[in-house]
């Protein structure tokens, strides 16, 4: 699915997760997605995920081979 590349900067991580989620489902409301992802980014176990892993998990997509 998406490449697992860790991002240290919180804002960049949030932006990348949002981008990937909207890329997968453009019908999602961008404002609502930003609110959700921003909230999730406050939890350390979510921030340890790559943006691709976080986007897939949030969307409920099947885990890829690169998921932890």
N, C-alpha and C. Protein backbone atom coordinates (compact mmCIF):
# COMPACT_ATOMS: atom_id res chain seq x y z
N UNK A 1 0.83 -1.18 0.00
CA UNK A 1 0.00 0.00 0.00
C UNK A 1 0.88 1.25 0.00
N UNK A 2 1.04 1.91 1.15
CA UNK A 2 1.86 3.12 1.22
C UNK A 2 3.19 2.80 1.85
N UNK A 3 4.21 3.49 1.39
CA UNK A 3 5.56 3.26 1.93
C UNK A 3 5.60 3.68 3.39
N UNK A 4 6.28 2.89 4.20
CA UNK A 4 6.43 3.20 5.62
C UNK A 4 7.65 4.05 5.82
N UNK A 5 7.44 5.35 5.93
CA UNK A 5 8.55 6.25 6.16
C UNK A 5 8.22 7.12 7.37
N UNK A 6 8.96 6.97 8.46
CA UNK A 6 8.67 7.74 9.66
C UNK A 6 8.92 9.24 9.45
N UNK A 7 8.08 10.04 10.07
CA UNK A 7 8.21 11.50 10.01
C UNK A 7 8.28 12.00 11.45
N UNK A 8 9.32 12.75 11.77
CA UNK A 8 9.51 13.24 13.14
C UNK A 8 8.68 14.47 13.45
N UNK A 9 8.41 15.28 12.47
CA UNK A 9 7.67 16.53 12.66
C UNK A 9 6.17 16.23 12.74
N UNK A 10 5.52 16.62 13.85
CA UNK A 10 4.11 16.31 14.05
C UNK A 10 3.21 16.89 12.96
N UNK A 11 3.44 18.14 12.60
CA UNK A 11 2.60 18.78 11.58
C UNK A 11 2.75 18.10 10.23
N UNK A 12 3.96 17.74 9.87
CA UNK A 12 4.20 17.04 8.61
C UNK A 12 3.55 15.66 8.63
N UNK A 13 3.60 14.99 9.79
CA UNK A 13 2.97 13.67 9.93
C UNK A 13 1.46 13.79 9.72
N UNK A 14 0.84 14.75 10.39
CA UNK A 14 -0.60 14.98 10.25
C UNK A 14 -0.95 15.27 8.80
N UNK A 15 -0.21 16.16 8.17
CA UNK A 15 -0.48 16.52 6.77
C UNK A 15 -0.37 15.31 5.85
N UNK A 16 0.62 14.46 6.07
CA UNK A 16 0.82 13.30 5.22
C UNK A 16 -0.30 12.27 5.42
N UNK A 17 -0.71 12.06 6.66
CA UNK A 17 -1.82 11.13 6.92
C UNK A 17 -3.09 11.64 6.24
N UNK A 18 -3.37 12.92 6.38
CA UNK A 18 -4.55 13.52 5.74
C UNK A 18 -4.48 13.34 4.23
N UNK A 19 -3.33 13.64 3.65
CA UNK A 19 -3.15 13.51 2.20
C UNK A 19 -3.46 12.09 1.76
N UNK A 20 -2.91 11.11 2.46
CA UNK A 20 -3.11 9.72 2.07
C UNK A 20 -4.57 9.28 2.23
N UNK A 21 -5.21 9.73 3.30
CA UNK A 21 -6.61 9.37 3.50
C UNK A 21 -7.50 9.97 2.41
N UNK A 22 -7.27 11.23 2.08
CA UNK A 22 -8.07 11.88 1.04
C UNK A 22 -7.75 11.34 -0.34
N UNK A 23 -6.51 10.90 -0.53
CA UNK A 23 -6.12 10.29 -1.80
C UNK A 23 -6.89 8.97 -1.98
N UNK A 24 -7.03 8.23 -0.90
CA UNK A 24 -7.73 6.94 -0.96
C UNK A 24 -9.24 7.15 -1.10
N UNK A 25 -9.79 8.14 -0.40
CA UNK A 25 -11.23 8.39 -0.44
C UNK A 25 -11.48 9.90 -0.54
N UNK A 26 -11.52 10.43 -1.77
CA UNK A 26 -11.69 11.87 -1.96
C UNK A 26 -13.05 12.41 -1.49
N UNK A 27 -13.99 11.51 -1.20
CA UNK A 27 -15.31 11.95 -0.73
C UNK A 27 -15.32 12.31 0.75
N UNK A 28 -14.24 12.02 1.45
CA UNK A 28 -14.15 12.38 2.87
C UNK A 28 -14.10 13.90 3.00
N UNK A 29 -14.62 14.40 4.10
CA UNK A 29 -14.57 15.82 4.40
C UNK A 29 -13.18 16.16 4.96
N UNK A 30 -12.45 16.99 4.26
CA UNK A 30 -11.06 17.31 4.63
C UNK A 30 -10.98 17.91 6.03
N UNK A 31 -11.93 18.74 6.40
CA UNK A 31 -11.91 19.37 7.73
C UNK A 31 -12.10 18.31 8.82
N UNK A 32 -13.04 17.40 8.62
CA UNK A 32 -13.28 16.34 9.60
C UNK A 32 -12.07 15.40 9.71
N UNK A 33 -11.47 15.09 8.56
CA UNK A 33 -10.28 14.24 8.57
C UNK A 33 -9.16 14.91 9.34
N UNK A 34 -8.95 16.21 9.13
CA UNK A 34 -7.91 16.95 9.87
C UNK A 34 -8.18 16.89 11.37
N UNK A 35 -9.42 17.08 11.79
CA UNK A 35 -9.76 17.02 13.22
C UNK A 35 -9.43 15.64 13.80
N UNK A 36 -9.81 14.59 13.08
CA UNK A 36 -9.57 13.23 13.55
C UNK A 36 -8.08 12.94 13.65
N UNK A 37 -7.35 13.24 12.59
CA UNK A 37 -5.92 12.92 12.56
C UNK A 37 -5.15 13.76 13.58
N UNK A 38 -5.53 15.01 13.74
CA UNK A 38 -4.88 15.85 14.75
C UNK A 38 -5.10 15.28 16.15
N UNK A 39 -6.30 14.81 16.42
CA UNK A 39 -6.59 14.19 17.72
C UNK A 39 -5.76 12.92 17.91
N UNK A 40 -5.72 12.07 16.88
CA UNK A 40 -4.96 10.83 16.98
C UNK A 40 -3.47 11.08 17.17
N UNK A 41 -2.97 12.17 16.59
CA UNK A 41 -1.53 12.45 16.66
C UNK A 41 -1.05 12.74 18.08
N UNK A 42 -1.97 12.98 18.98
CA UNK A 42 -1.61 13.27 20.38
C UNK A 42 -1.32 11.99 21.17
N UNK A 43 -1.64 10.84 20.60
CA UNK A 43 -1.40 9.56 21.26
C UNK A 43 -0.09 8.97 20.75
N UNK A 44 0.84 8.70 21.64
CA UNK A 44 2.16 8.20 21.22
C UNK A 44 2.11 6.95 20.36
N UNK A 45 1.18 6.02 20.65
CA UNK A 45 1.14 4.80 19.85
C UNK A 45 0.69 5.08 18.41
N UNK A 46 -0.07 6.13 18.19
CA UNK A 46 -0.42 6.51 16.81
C UNK A 46 0.75 7.19 16.13
N UNK A 47 1.46 8.05 16.86
CA UNK A 47 2.58 8.79 16.26
C UNK A 47 3.74 7.87 15.92
N UNK A 48 3.79 6.70 16.52
CA UNK A 48 4.85 5.75 16.19
C UNK A 48 4.59 5.07 14.85
N UNK A 49 3.36 5.15 14.36
CA UNK A 49 3.03 4.58 13.05
C UNK A 49 3.53 5.51 11.95
N UNK A 50 3.87 4.94 10.82
CA UNK A 50 4.18 5.78 9.66
C UNK A 50 2.87 6.42 9.19
N UNK A 51 2.92 7.50 8.41
CA UNK A 51 1.68 8.09 7.90
C UNK A 51 0.82 7.07 7.14
N UNK A 52 1.46 6.22 6.35
CA UNK A 52 0.71 5.22 5.60
C UNK A 52 0.00 4.23 6.49
N UNK A 53 0.69 3.79 7.54
CA UNK A 53 0.08 2.85 8.49
C UNK A 53 -1.07 3.51 9.24
N UNK A 54 -0.88 4.77 9.65
CA UNK A 54 -1.93 5.49 10.37
C UNK A 54 -3.14 5.73 9.48
N UNK A 55 -2.90 6.09 8.23
CA UNK A 55 -4.02 6.33 7.30
C UNK A 55 -4.80 5.04 7.07
N UNK A 56 -4.09 3.95 6.84
CA UNK A 56 -4.75 2.66 6.60
C UNK A 56 -5.54 2.22 7.83
N UNK A 57 -4.96 2.38 9.00
CA UNK A 57 -5.63 1.97 10.24
C UNK A 57 -6.87 2.83 10.48
N UNK A 58 -6.77 4.12 10.24
CA UNK A 58 -7.90 5.03 10.44
C UNK A 58 -9.03 4.71 9.47
N UNK A 59 -8.67 4.38 8.26
CA UNK A 59 -9.68 4.05 7.24
C UNK A 59 -10.21 2.63 7.38
N UNK A 60 -9.57 1.83 8.24
CA UNK A 60 -9.99 0.45 8.42
C UNK A 60 -9.61 -0.44 7.26
N UNK A 61 -8.52 -0.07 6.58
CA UNK A 61 -8.04 -0.88 5.45
C UNK A 61 -7.29 -2.10 5.97
N UNK A 62 -7.28 -3.18 5.20
CA UNK A 62 -6.50 -4.36 5.62
C UNK A 62 -5.03 -3.98 5.79
N UNK A 63 -4.40 -4.59 6.78
CA UNK A 63 -2.99 -4.30 7.03
C UNK A 63 -2.14 -4.83 5.90
N UNK A 64 -1.14 -4.06 5.52
CA UNK A 64 -0.22 -4.49 4.48
C UNK A 64 0.91 -5.30 5.12
N UNK A 65 1.75 -5.85 4.29
CA UNK A 65 2.88 -6.64 4.76
C UNK A 65 3.85 -5.80 5.56
N UNK A 66 3.86 -4.49 5.35
CA UNK A 66 4.81 -3.63 6.07
C UNK A 66 4.26 -3.10 7.37
N UNK A 67 3.04 -3.47 7.74
CA UNK A 67 2.48 -3.03 9.01
C UNK A 67 3.13 -3.76 10.17
N UNK A 68 3.22 -3.09 11.33
CA UNK A 68 3.85 -3.73 12.50
C UNK A 68 3.00 -4.85 13.06
